[in-house]
Amino acid sequence: MSDLSGERLAELRQAFDSIDASGDGFISEEEFLRHFPDLPAEALGSLEEAADADGDGRISFEEFVRLLG
């Protein structure tokens, strides 16, 4: 994360927070589906596989940044 500009990190934080409806600091599958209702199941599965580094079934901000940064 340290190689990203402050502006890019702020953009990613804003995007993350808009998806994290519960405000718990994690994006769940349900939150992704609520934010992207037309997302195909296979795309969601690929996203979780690529982003959920620790396998806990949700995406932290750090994982989100690694994916999109």
PDB file of N, CA and C in Angstrom:
ATOM      1  N   MET A   1       0.805  -1.194   0.000  1.00  0.00           N
ATOM      2  CA  MET A   1       0.000   0.000   0.000  1.00  0.00           C
ATOM      3  C   MET A   1       0.851   1.262   0.000  1.00  0.00           C
ATOM      4  N   SER A   2       2.075   1.181   0.460  1.00  0.00           N
ATOM      5  CA  SER A   2       2.885   2.376   0.613  1.00  0.00           C
ATOM      6  C   SER A   2       3.291   3.000  -0.722  1.00  0.00           C
ATOM      7  N   ASP A   3       3.247   2.247  -1.820  1.00  0.00           N
ATOM      8  CA  ASP A   3       3.637   2.808  -3.101  1.00  0.00           C
ATOM      9  C   ASP A   3       2.490   3.535  -3.805  1.00  0.00           C
ATOM     10  N   LEU A   4       1.314   3.566  -3.217  1.00  0.00           N
ATOM     11  CA  LEU A   4       0.181   4.282  -3.791  1.00  0.00           C
ATOM     12  C   LEU A   4       0.162   5.717  -3.274  1.00  0.00           C
ATOM     13  N   SER A   5      -0.286   6.620  -4.134  1.00  0.00           N
ATOM     14  CA  SER A   5      -0.393   8.015  -3.721  1.00  0.00           C
ATOM     15  C   SER A   5      -1.518   8.173  -2.704  1.00  0.00           C
ATOM     16  N   GLY A   6      -1.451   9.224  -1.941  1.00  0.00           N
ATOM     17  CA  GLY A   6      -2.500   9.518  -0.982  1.00  0.00           C
ATOM     18  C   GLY A   6      -3.841   9.699  -1.664  1.00  0.00           C
ATOM     19  N   GLU A   7      -3.814  10.305  -2.845  1.00  0.00           N
ATOM     20  CA  GLU A   7      -5.056  10.514  -3.588  1.00  0.00           C
ATOM     21  C   GLU A   7      -5.676   9.185  -4.007  1.00  0.00           C
ATOM     22  N   ARG A   8      -4.847   8.256  -4.492  1.00  0.00           N
ATOM     23  CA  ARG A   8      -5.358   6.943  -4.903  1.00  0.00           C
ATOM     24  C   ARG A   8      -5.895   6.181  -3.699  1.00  0.00           C
ATOM     25  N   LEU A   9      -5.199   6.224  -2.584  1.00  0.00           N
ATOM     26  CA  LEU A   9      -5.683   5.555  -1.373  1.00  0.00           C
ATOM     27  C   LEU A   9      -7.017   6.140  -0.924  1.00  0.00           C
ATOM     28  N   ALA A  10      -7.164   7.461  -1.034  1.00  0.00           N
ATOM     29  CA  ALA A  10      -8.423   8.104  -0.659  1.00  0.00           C
ATOM     30  C   ALA A  10      -9.548   7.653  -1.580  1.00  0.00           C
ATOM     31  N   GLU A  11      -9.260   7.520  -2.881  1.00  0.00           N
ATOM     32  CA  GLU A  11     -10.270   7.033  -3.836  1.00  0.00           C
ATOM     33  C   GLU A  11     -10.695   5.612  -3.497  1.00  0.00           C
ATOM     34  N   LEU A  12      -9.709   4.773  -3.191  1.00  0.00           N
ATOM     35  CA  LEU A  12     -10.010   3.385  -2.849  1.00  0.00           C
ATOM     36  C   LEU A  12     -10.790   3.301  -1.541  1.00  0.00           C
ATOM     37  N   ARG A  13     -10.447   4.136  -0.583  1.00  0.00           N
ATOM     38  CA  ARG A  13     -11.172   4.145   0.697  1.00  0.00           C
ATOM     39  C   ARG A  13     -12.619   4.553   0.471  1.00  0.00           C
ATOM     40  N   GLN A  14     -12.842   5.551  -0.370  1.00  0.00           N
ATOM     41  CA  GLN A  14     -14.202   6.003  -0.650  1.00  0.00           C
ATOM     42  C   GLN A  14     -15.005   4.884  -1.328  1.00  0.00           C
ATOM     43  N   ALA A  15     -14.390   4.205  -2.295  1.00  0.00           N
ATOM     44  CA  ALA A  15     -15.072   3.101  -2.973  1.00  0.00           C
ATOM     45  C   ALA A  15     -15.368   1.970  -1.994  1.00  0.00           C
ATOM     46  N   PHE A  16     -14.385   1.624  -1.169  1.00  0.00           N
ATOM     47  CA  PHE A  16     -14.556   0.561  -0.182  1.00  0.00           C
ATOM     48  C   PHE A  16     -15.699   0.890   0.773  1.00  0.00           C
ATOM     49  N   ASP A  17     -15.670   2.110   1.293  1.00  0.00           N
ATOM     50  CA  ASP A  17     -16.695   2.519   2.261  1.00  0.00           C
ATOM     51  C   ASP A  17     -18.092   2.532   1.649  1.00  0.00           C
ATOM     52  N   SER A  18     -18.188   2.829   0.348  1.00  0.00           N
ATOM     53  CA  SER A  18     -19.504   2.838  -0.296  1.00  0.00           C
ATOM     54  C   SER A  18     -20.070   1.426  -0.433  1.00  0.00           C
ATOM     55  N   ILE A  19     -19.206   0.435  -0.492  1.00  0.00           N
ATOM     56  CA  ILE A  19     -19.650  -0.968  -0.593  1.00  0.00           C
ATOM     57  C   ILE A  19     -19.884  -1.556   0.792  1.00  0.00           C
ATOM     58  N   ASP A  20     -19.067  -1.164   1.768  1.00  0.00           N
ATOM     59  CA  ASP A  20     -19.150  -1.674   3.144  1.00  0.00           C
ATOM     60  C   ASP A  20     -20.332  -1.027   3.867  1.00  0.00           C
ATOM     61  N   ALA A  21     -21.525  -1.480   3.543  1.00  0.00           N
ATOM     62  CA  ALA A  21     -22.756  -0.876   4.082  1.00  0.00           C
ATOM     63  C   ALA A  21     -22.845  -0.979   5.593  1.00  0.00           C
ATOM     64  N   SER A  22     -22.322  -2.042   6.180  1.00  0.00           N
ATOM     65  CA  SER A  22     -22.410  -2.224   7.636  1.00  0.00           C
ATOM     66  C   SER A  22     -21.410  -1.354   8.384  1.00  0.00           C
ATOM     67  N   GLY A  23     -20.372  -0.901   7.672  1.00  0.00           N
ATOM     68  CA  GLY A  23     -19.354  -0.076   8.313  1.00  0.00           C
ATOM     69  C   GLY A  23     -18.435  -0.837   9.239  1.00  0.00           C
ATOM     70  N   ASP A  24     -18.369  -2.167   9.083  1.00  0.00           N
ATOM     71  CA  ASP A  24     -17.538  -2.975   9.982  1.00  0.00           C
ATOM     72  C   ASP A  24     -16.092  -3.116   9.520  1.00  0.00           C
ATOM     73  N   GLY A  25     -15.741  -2.499   8.390  1.00  0.00           N
ATOM     74  CA  GLY A  25     -14.371  -2.563   7.904  1.00  0.00           C
ATOM     75  C   GLY A  25     -14.100  -3.747   6.998  1.00  0.00           C
ATOM     76  N   PHE A  26     -15.154  -4.450   6.616  1.00  0.00           N
ATOM     77  CA  PHE A  26     -15.029  -5.591   5.721  1.00  0.00           C
ATOM     78  C   PHE A  26     -16.166  -5.561   4.704  1.00  0.00           C
ATOM     79  N   ILE A  27     -15.892  -6.098   3.522  1.00  0.00           N
ATOM     80  CA  ILE A  27     -16.938  -6.243   2.512  1.00  0.00           C
ATOM     81  C   ILE A  27     -17.313  -7.716   2.454  1.00  0.00           C
ATOM     82  N   SER A  28     -18.577  -7.985   2.689  1.00  0.00           N
ATOM     83  CA  SER A  28     -19.085  -9.356   2.638  1.00  0.00           C
ATOM     84  C   SER A  28     -19.654  -9.633   1.249  1.00  0.00           C
ATOM     85  N   GLU A  29     -19.930 -10.884   0.992  1.00  0.00           N
ATOM     86  CA  GLU A  29     -20.561 -11.272  -0.269  1.00  0.00           C
ATOM     87  C   GLU A  29     -21.903 -10.560  -0.428  1.00  0.00           C
ATOM     88  N   GLU A  30     -22.662 -10.483   0.651  1.00  0.00           N
ATOM     89  CA  GLU A  30     -23.972  -9.822   0.602  1.00  0.00           C
ATOM     90  C   GLU A  30     -23.846  -8.348   0.242  1.00  0.00           C
ATOM     91  N   GLU A  31     -22.821  -7.690   0.780  1.00  0.00           N
ATOM     92  CA  GLU A  31     -22.620  -6.278   0.470  1.00  0.00           C
ATOM     93  C   GLU A  31     -22.222  -6.084  -0.988  1.00  0.00           C
ATOM     94  N   PHE A  32     -21.386  -6.977  -1.507  1.00  0.00           N
ATOM     95  CA  PHE A  32     -21.039  -6.905  -2.921  1.00  0.00           C
ATOM     96  C   PHE A  32     -22.281  -7.077  -3.786  1.00  0.00           C
ATOM     97  N   LEU A  33     -23.102  -8.053  -3.447  1.00  0.00           N
ATOM     98  CA  LEU A  33     -24.309  -8.297  -4.233  1.00  0.00           C
ATOM     99  C   LEU A  33     -25.303  -7.148  -4.131  1.00  0.00           C
ATOM    100  N   ARG A  34     -25.378  -6.514  -2.980  1.00  0.00           N
ATOM    101  CA  ARG A  34     -26.255  -5.362  -2.810  1.00  0.00           C
ATOM    102  C   ARG A  34     -25.764  -4.185  -3.657  1.00  0.00           C
ATOM    103  N   HIS A  35     -24.454  -4.007  -3.699  1.00  0.00           N
ATOM    104  CA  HIS A  35     -23.861  -2.889  -4.431  1.00  0.00           C
ATOM    105  C   HIS A  35     -23.812  -3.163  -5.937  1.00  0.00           C
ATOM    106  N   PHE A  36     -23.611  -4.428  -6.307  1.00  0.00           N
ATOM    107  CA  PHE A  36     -23.535  -4.837  -7.709  1.00  0.00           C
ATOM    108  C   PHE A  36     -24.543  -5.958  -7.951  1.00  0.00           C
ATOM    109  N   PRO A  37     -25.837  -5.641  -8.022  1.00  0.00           N
ATOM    110  CA  PRO A  37     -26.869  -6.685  -8.104  1.00  0.00           C
ATOM    111  C   PRO A  37     -26.812  -7.543  -9.367  1.00  0.00           C
ATOM    112  N   ASP A  38     -26.212  -7.047 -10.420  1.00  0.00           N
ATOM    113  CA  ASP A  38     -26.145  -7.810 -11.671  1.00  0.00           C
ATOM    114  C   ASP A  38     -24.850  -8.603 -11.822  1.00  0.00           C
ATOM    115  N   LEU A  39     -24.053  -8.652 -10.777  1.00  0.00           N
ATOM    116  CA  LEU A  39     -22.787  -9.374 -10.825  1.00  0.00           C
ATOM    117  C   LEU A  39     -23.050 -10.876 -10.905  1.00  0.00           C
ATOM    118  N   PRO A  40     -22.560 -11.535 -11.975  1.00  0.00           N
ATOM    119  CA  PRO A  40     -22.768 -12.984 -12.092  1.00  0.00           C
ATOM    120  C   PRO A  40     -22.068 -13.750 -10.972  1.00  0.00           C
ATOM    121  N   ALA A  41     -22.626 -14.870 -10.599  1.00  0.00           N
ATOM    122  CA  ALA A  41     -22.072 -15.681  -9.506  1.00  0.00           C
ATOM    123  C   ALA A  41     -20.621 -16.067  -9.767  1.00  0.00           C
ATOM    124  N   GLU A  42     -20.291 -16.403 -11.016  1.00  0.00           N
ATOM    125  CA  GLU A  42     -18.912 -16.800 -11.316  1.00  0.00           C
ATOM    126  C   GLU A  42     -17.948 -15.620 -11.157  1.00  0.00           C
ATOM    127  N   ALA A  43     -18.410 -14.408 -11.435  1.00  0.00           N
ATOM    128  CA  ALA A  43     -17.566 -13.229 -11.237  1.00  0.00           C
ATOM    129  C   ALA A  43     -17.336 -12.988  -9.750  1.00  0.00           C
ATOM    130  N   LEU A  44     -18.371 -13.160  -8.959  1.00  0.00           N
ATOM    131  CA  LEU A  44     -18.237 -12.998  -7.512  1.00  0.00           C
ATOM    132  C   LEU A  44     -17.268 -14.038  -6.959  1.00  0.00           C
ATOM    133  N   GLY A  45     -17.386 -15.265  -7.417  1.00  0.00           N
ATOM    134  CA  GLY A  45     -16.474 -16.317  -6.969  1.00  0.00           C
ATOM    135  C   GLY A  45     -15.033 -16.011  -7.328  1.00  0.00           C
ATOM    136  N   SER A  46     -14.799 -15.526  -8.542  1.00  0.00           N
ATOM    137  CA  SER A  46     -13.445 -15.156  -8.965  1.00  0.00           C
ATOM    138  C   SER A  46     -12.911 -13.993  -8.156  1.00  0.00           C
ATOM    139  N   LEU A  47     -13.777 -13.032  -7.882  1.00  0.00           N
ATOM    140  CA  LEU A  47     -13.389 -11.872  -7.088  1.00  0.00           C
ATOM    141  C   LEU A  47     -12.980 -12.295  -5.685  1.00  0.00           C
ATOM    142  N   GLU A  48     -13.787 -13.124  -5.075  1.00  0.00           N
ATOM    143  CA  GLU A  48     -13.465 -13.591  -3.716  1.00  0.00           C
ATOM    144  C   GLU A  48     -12.172 -14.393  -3.707  1.00  0.00           C
ATOM    145  N   GLU A  49     -11.979 -15.213  -4.718  1.00  0.00           N
ATOM    146  CA  GLU A  49     -10.762 -16.025  -4.791  1.00  0.00           C
ATOM    147  C   GLU A  49      -9.532 -15.135  -4.929  1.00  0.00           C
ATOM    148  N   ALA A  50      -9.634 -14.083  -5.735  1.00  0.00           N
ATOM    149  CA  ALA A  50      -8.502 -13.193  -5.967  1.00  0.00           C
ATOM    150  C   ALA A  50      -8.263 -12.248  -4.798  1.00  0.00           C
ATOM    151  N   ALA A  51      -9.331 -11.796  -4.164  1.00  0.00           N
ATOM    152  CA  ALA A  51      -9.196 -10.737  -3.159  1.00  0.00           C
ATOM    153  C   ALA A  51      -9.085 -11.234  -1.731  1.00  0.00           C
ATOM    154  N   ASP A  52      -9.764 -12.310  -1.392  1.00  0.00           N
ATOM    155  CA  ASP A  52      -9.834 -12.766   0.003  1.00  0.00           C
ATOM    156  C   ASP A  52      -8.597 -13.582   0.357  1.00  0.00           C
ATOM    157  N   ALA A  53      -7.491 -12.878   0.610  1.00  0.00           N
ATOM    158  CA  ALA A  53      -6.200 -13.526   0.843  1.00  0.00           C
ATOM    159  C   ALA A  53      -6.189 -14.430   2.059  1.00  0.00           C
ATOM    160  N   ASP A  54      -6.909 -14.056   3.112  1.00  0.00           N
ATOM    161  CA  ASP A  54      -6.871 -14.870   4.327  1.00  0.00           C
ATOM    162  C   ASP A  54      -7.993 -15.899   4.402  1.00  0.00           C
ATOM    163  N   GLY A  55      -8.865 -15.922   3.389  1.00  0.00           N
ATOM    164  CA  GLY A  55      -9.902 -16.946   3.310  1.00  0.00           C
ATOM    165  C   GLY A  55     -10.992 -16.854   4.353  1.00  0.00           C
ATOM    166  N   ASP A  56     -11.218 -15.661   4.905  1.00  0.00           N
ATOM    167  CA  ASP A  56     -12.233 -15.539   5.951  1.00  0.00           C
ATOM    168  C   ASP A  56     -13.632 -15.223   5.415  1.00  0.00           C
ATOM    169  N   GLY A  57     -13.779 -15.169   4.090  1.00  0.00           N
ATOM    170  CA  GLY A  57     -15.093 -14.952   3.502  1.00  0.00           C
ATOM    171  C   GLY A  57     -15.521 -13.500   3.403  1.00  0.00           C
ATOM    172  N   ARG A  58     -14.592 -12.599   3.656  1.00  0.00           N
ATOM    173  CA  ARG A  58     -14.885 -11.182   3.531  1.00  0.00           C
ATOM    174  C   ARG A  58     -13.603 -10.479   3.111  1.00  0.00           C
ATOM    175  N   ILE A  59     -13.749  -9.267   2.595  1.00  0.00           N
ATOM    176  CA  ILE A  59     -12.602  -8.548   2.053  1.00  0.00           C
ATOM    177  C   ILE A  59     -12.312  -7.331   2.928  1.00  0.00           C
ATOM    178  N   SER A  60     -11.094  -7.276   3.440  1.00  0.00           N
ATOM    179  CA  SER A  60     -10.663  -6.134   4.248  1.00  0.00           C
ATOM    180  C   SER A  60     -10.219  -5.011   3.312  1.00  0.00           C
ATOM    181  N   PHE A  61     -10.004  -3.834   3.867  1.00  0.00           N
ATOM    182  CA  PHE A  61      -9.527  -2.720   3.054  1.00  0.00           C
ATOM    183  C   PHE A  61      -8.168  -3.045   2.448  1.00  0.00           C
ATOM    184  N   GLU A  62      -7.289  -3.676   3.205  1.00  0.00           N
ATOM    185  CA  GLU A  62      -5.960  -4.030   2.704  1.00  0.00           C
ATOM    186  C   GLU A  62      -6.069  -4.984   1.517  1.00  0.00           C
ATOM    187  N   GLU A  63      -6.954  -5.962   1.606  1.00  0.00           N
ATOM    188  CA  GLU A  63      -7.158  -6.895   0.498  1.00  0.00           C
ATOM    189  C   GLU A  63      -7.747  -6.163  -0.711  1.00  0.00           C
ATOM    190  N   PHE A  64      -8.656  -5.242  -0.466  1.00  0.00           N
ATOM    191  CA  PHE A  64      -9.282  -4.438  -1.519  1.00  0.00           C
ATOM    192  C   PHE A  64      -8.223  -3.620  -2.250  1.00  0.00           C
ATOM    193  N   VAL A  65      -7.309  -3.006  -1.487  1.00  0.00           N
ATOM    194  CA  VAL A  65      -6.250  -2.206  -2.081  1.00  0.00           C
ATOM    195  C   VAL A  65      -5.314  -3.082  -2.902  1.00  0.00           C
ATOM    196  N   ARG A  66      -4.956  -4.258  -2.399  1.00  0.00           N
ATOM    197  CA  ARG A  66      -4.083  -5.169  -3.156  1.00  0.00           C
ATOM    198  C   ARG A  66      -4.728  -5.553  -4.480  1.00  0.00           C
ATOM    199  N   LEU A  67      -6.025  -5.728  -4.471  1.00  0.00           N
ATOM    200  CA  LEU A  67      -6.746  -6.127  -5.680  1.00  0.00           C
ATOM    201  C   LEU A  67      -6.835  -4.981  -6.691  1.00  0.00           C
ATOM    202  N   LEU A  68      -7.156  -3.797  -6.212  1.00  0.00           N
ATOM    203  CA  LEU A  68      -7.454  -2.673  -7.124  1.00  0.00           C
ATOM    204  C   LEU A  68      -6.385  -1.593  -7.182  1.00  0.00           C
ATOM    205  N   GLY A  69      -5.430  -1.648  -6.265  1.00  0.00           N
ATOM    206  CA  GLY A  69      -4.430  -0.583  -6.172  1.00  0.00           C
ATOM    207  C   GLY A  69      -3.549  -0.510  -7.352  1.00  0.00           C
TER     208      GLY A  69
END
